[in-house]
Amino acid sequence: MLLAECPVRAAIDVIEGKWKPIIVNALKAGTLRYGQLRRETPEATKKVLTAQLRELEHAGIICRKNFEQSEEHLRYSLTAYGRTLVPVLTALAKWGANHKERLGEKPALSRSS
């Protein structure tokens, strides 16, 4: 199978990036302002977070609404299509927790997982 034909590659192309799965996970609870997403991803630079938000928007995973033409009033939410990623990422998070436990690491608990 060619890499371009691989369905796993197609999925990875959408969620690849350090912060995209975290962003989707944070948005599964509902709409968040840009500042709230910054708090969910404190290690991400503003530039990287903005770029990954734009990529998710371009892929149709999230939608952005701008109120009052200010970054402080940007609100992000999952699209209906983006919500189809939630069970996939939930399963991935469960696998990750099991993997960390297997390695003898204590999985971190997060309010959004």
Protein backbone atom coordinates (compact mmCIF):
# COMPACT_ATOMS: atom_id res chain seq x y z
CA MET A 1 0.00 0.00 0.00
CA LEU A 2 1.26 3.44 -0.88
CA LEU A 3 1.59 5.89 1.98
CA ALA A 4 -0.89 8.23 0.29
CA GLU A 5 -3.48 5.41 0.32
CA CYS A 6 -3.03 4.54 4.00
CA PRO A 7 -6.08 5.52 6.10
CA VAL A 8 -3.93 5.76 9.25
CA ARG A 9 -1.74 8.33 7.47
CA ALA A 10 -4.87 10.31 6.52
CA ALA A 11 -5.93 10.41 10.19
CA ILE A 12 -2.45 11.34 11.39
CA ASP A 13 -2.27 14.15 8.84
CA VAL A 14 -5.27 15.79 10.54
CA ILE A 15 -4.17 15.39 14.18
CA GLU A 16 -0.39 15.48 13.87
CA GLY A 17 1.21 18.18 15.92
CA LYS A 18 1.93 18.34 19.60
CA TRP A 19 -1.12 20.41 20.51
CA LYS A 20 -3.89 19.38 18.11
CA PRO A 21 -5.09 16.37 20.13
CA ILE A 22 -4.95 18.49 23.31
CA ILE A 23 -6.99 21.23 21.61
CA VAL A 24 -9.64 18.76 20.42
CA ASN A 25 -9.73 17.18 23.87
CA ALA A 26 -10.23 20.57 25.53
CA LEU A 27 -13.02 21.50 23.11
CA LYS A 28 -14.99 18.30 23.65
CA ALA A 29 -16.56 19.94 26.71
CA GLY A 30 -17.78 22.90 24.66
CA THR A 31 -16.82 26.27 23.25
CA LEU A 32 -13.70 27.94 24.64
CA ARG A 33 -12.18 31.37 24.21
CA TYR A 34 -8.63 31.70 22.91
CA GLY A 35 -7.35 32.57 26.38
CA GLN A 36 -8.94 29.44 27.83
CA LEU A 37 -7.22 27.34 25.18
CA ARG A 38 -3.92 29.04 26.06
CA ARG A 39 -4.42 27.92 29.67
CA GLU A 40 -5.12 24.36 28.48
CA THR A 41 -1.83 24.39 26.55
CA PRO A 42 0.53 26.48 28.73
CA GLU A 43 3.68 25.07 27.15
CA ALA A 44 2.60 25.98 23.61
CA THR A 45 3.83 29.25 22.22
CA LYS A 46 1.18 31.65 21.02
CA LYS A 47 2.49 31.26 17.46
CA VAL A 48 2.32 27.46 17.49
CA LEU A 49 -1.11 27.37 19.15
CA THR A 50 -2.48 29.83 16.60
CA ALA A 51 -1.01 27.83 13.71
CA GLN A 52 -2.45 24.56 14.99
CA LEU A 53 -5.86 26.15 15.54
CA ARG A 54 -5.80 27.41 11.96
CA GLU A 55 -4.85 23.97 10.65
CA LEU A 56 -7.70 22.34 12.58
CA GLU A 57 -10.08 24.97 11.26
CA HIS A 58 -8.85 24.42 7.70
CA ALA A 59 -9.43 20.64 8.13
CA GLY A 60 -13.02 21.29 9.27
CA ILE A 61 -12.39 19.97 12.79
CA ILE A 62 -13.04 23.22 14.65
CA CYS A 63 -14.82 26.45 13.89
CA ARG A 64 -13.79 29.90 15.01
CA LYS A 65 -16.11 32.79 15.74
CA ASN A 66 -14.80 36.27 16.24
CA PHE A 67 -16.79 38.63 18.43
CA GLU A 68 -15.84 42.33 18.39
CA GLN A 69 -12.80 41.79 16.09
CA SER A 70 -10.48 41.07 19.01
CA GLU A 71 -8.32 38.02 19.75
CA GLU A 72 -9.73 38.08 23.28
CA HIS A 73 -13.18 37.50 21.83
CA LEU A 74 -12.30 34.54 19.59
CA ARG A 75 -14.30 31.45 20.45
CA TYR A 76 -13.52 27.97 19.24
CA SER A 77 -15.70 24.89 19.13
CA LEU A 78 -15.70 21.48 17.52
CA THR A 79 -17.68 21.07 14.34
CA ALA A 80 -20.01 18.09 13.97
CA TYR A 81 -17.23 16.48 11.93
CA GLY A 82 -14.69 17.34 14.65
CA ARG A 83 -16.85 15.61 17.25
CA THR A 84 -16.26 12.34 15.38
CA LEU A 85 -12.64 12.56 16.58
CA VAL A 86 -13.60 12.55 20.27
CA PRO A 87 -14.07 8.75 20.62
CA VAL A 88 -10.85 8.17 18.67
CA LEU A 89 -8.85 10.46 20.96
CA THR A 90 -10.58 9.01 24.05
CA ALA A 91 -9.44 5.54 22.98
CA LEU A 92 -5.94 6.89 22.29
CA ALA A 93 -5.83 8.51 25.75
CA LYS A 94 -6.89 5.23 27.38
CA TRP A 95 -4.18 3.39 25.46
CA GLY A 96 -1.64 6.05 26.50
CA ALA A 97 -2.58 5.70 30.18
CA ASN A 98 -2.21 1.91 29.95
CA HIS A 99 1.12 2.31 28.18
CA LYS A 100 2.44 4.70 30.85
CA GLU A 101 1.33 2.24 33.53
CA ARG A 102 3.07 -0.58 31.68
CA LEU A 103 6.27 1.47 31.71
CA GLY A 104 5.85 2.07 35.42
CA GLU A 105 4.88 5.72 35.05
CA LYS A 106 1.93 7.17 36.85
CA PRO A 107 -0.50 8.65 34.32
CA ALA A 108 -1.31 12.31 34.86
CA LEU A 109 -4.93 13.04 35.56
CA SER A 110 -6.40 15.96 33.76
CA ARG A 111 -9.81 17.53 34.03
CA SER A 112 -10.28 17.29 30.26
CA SER A 113 -9.29 13.66 29.68
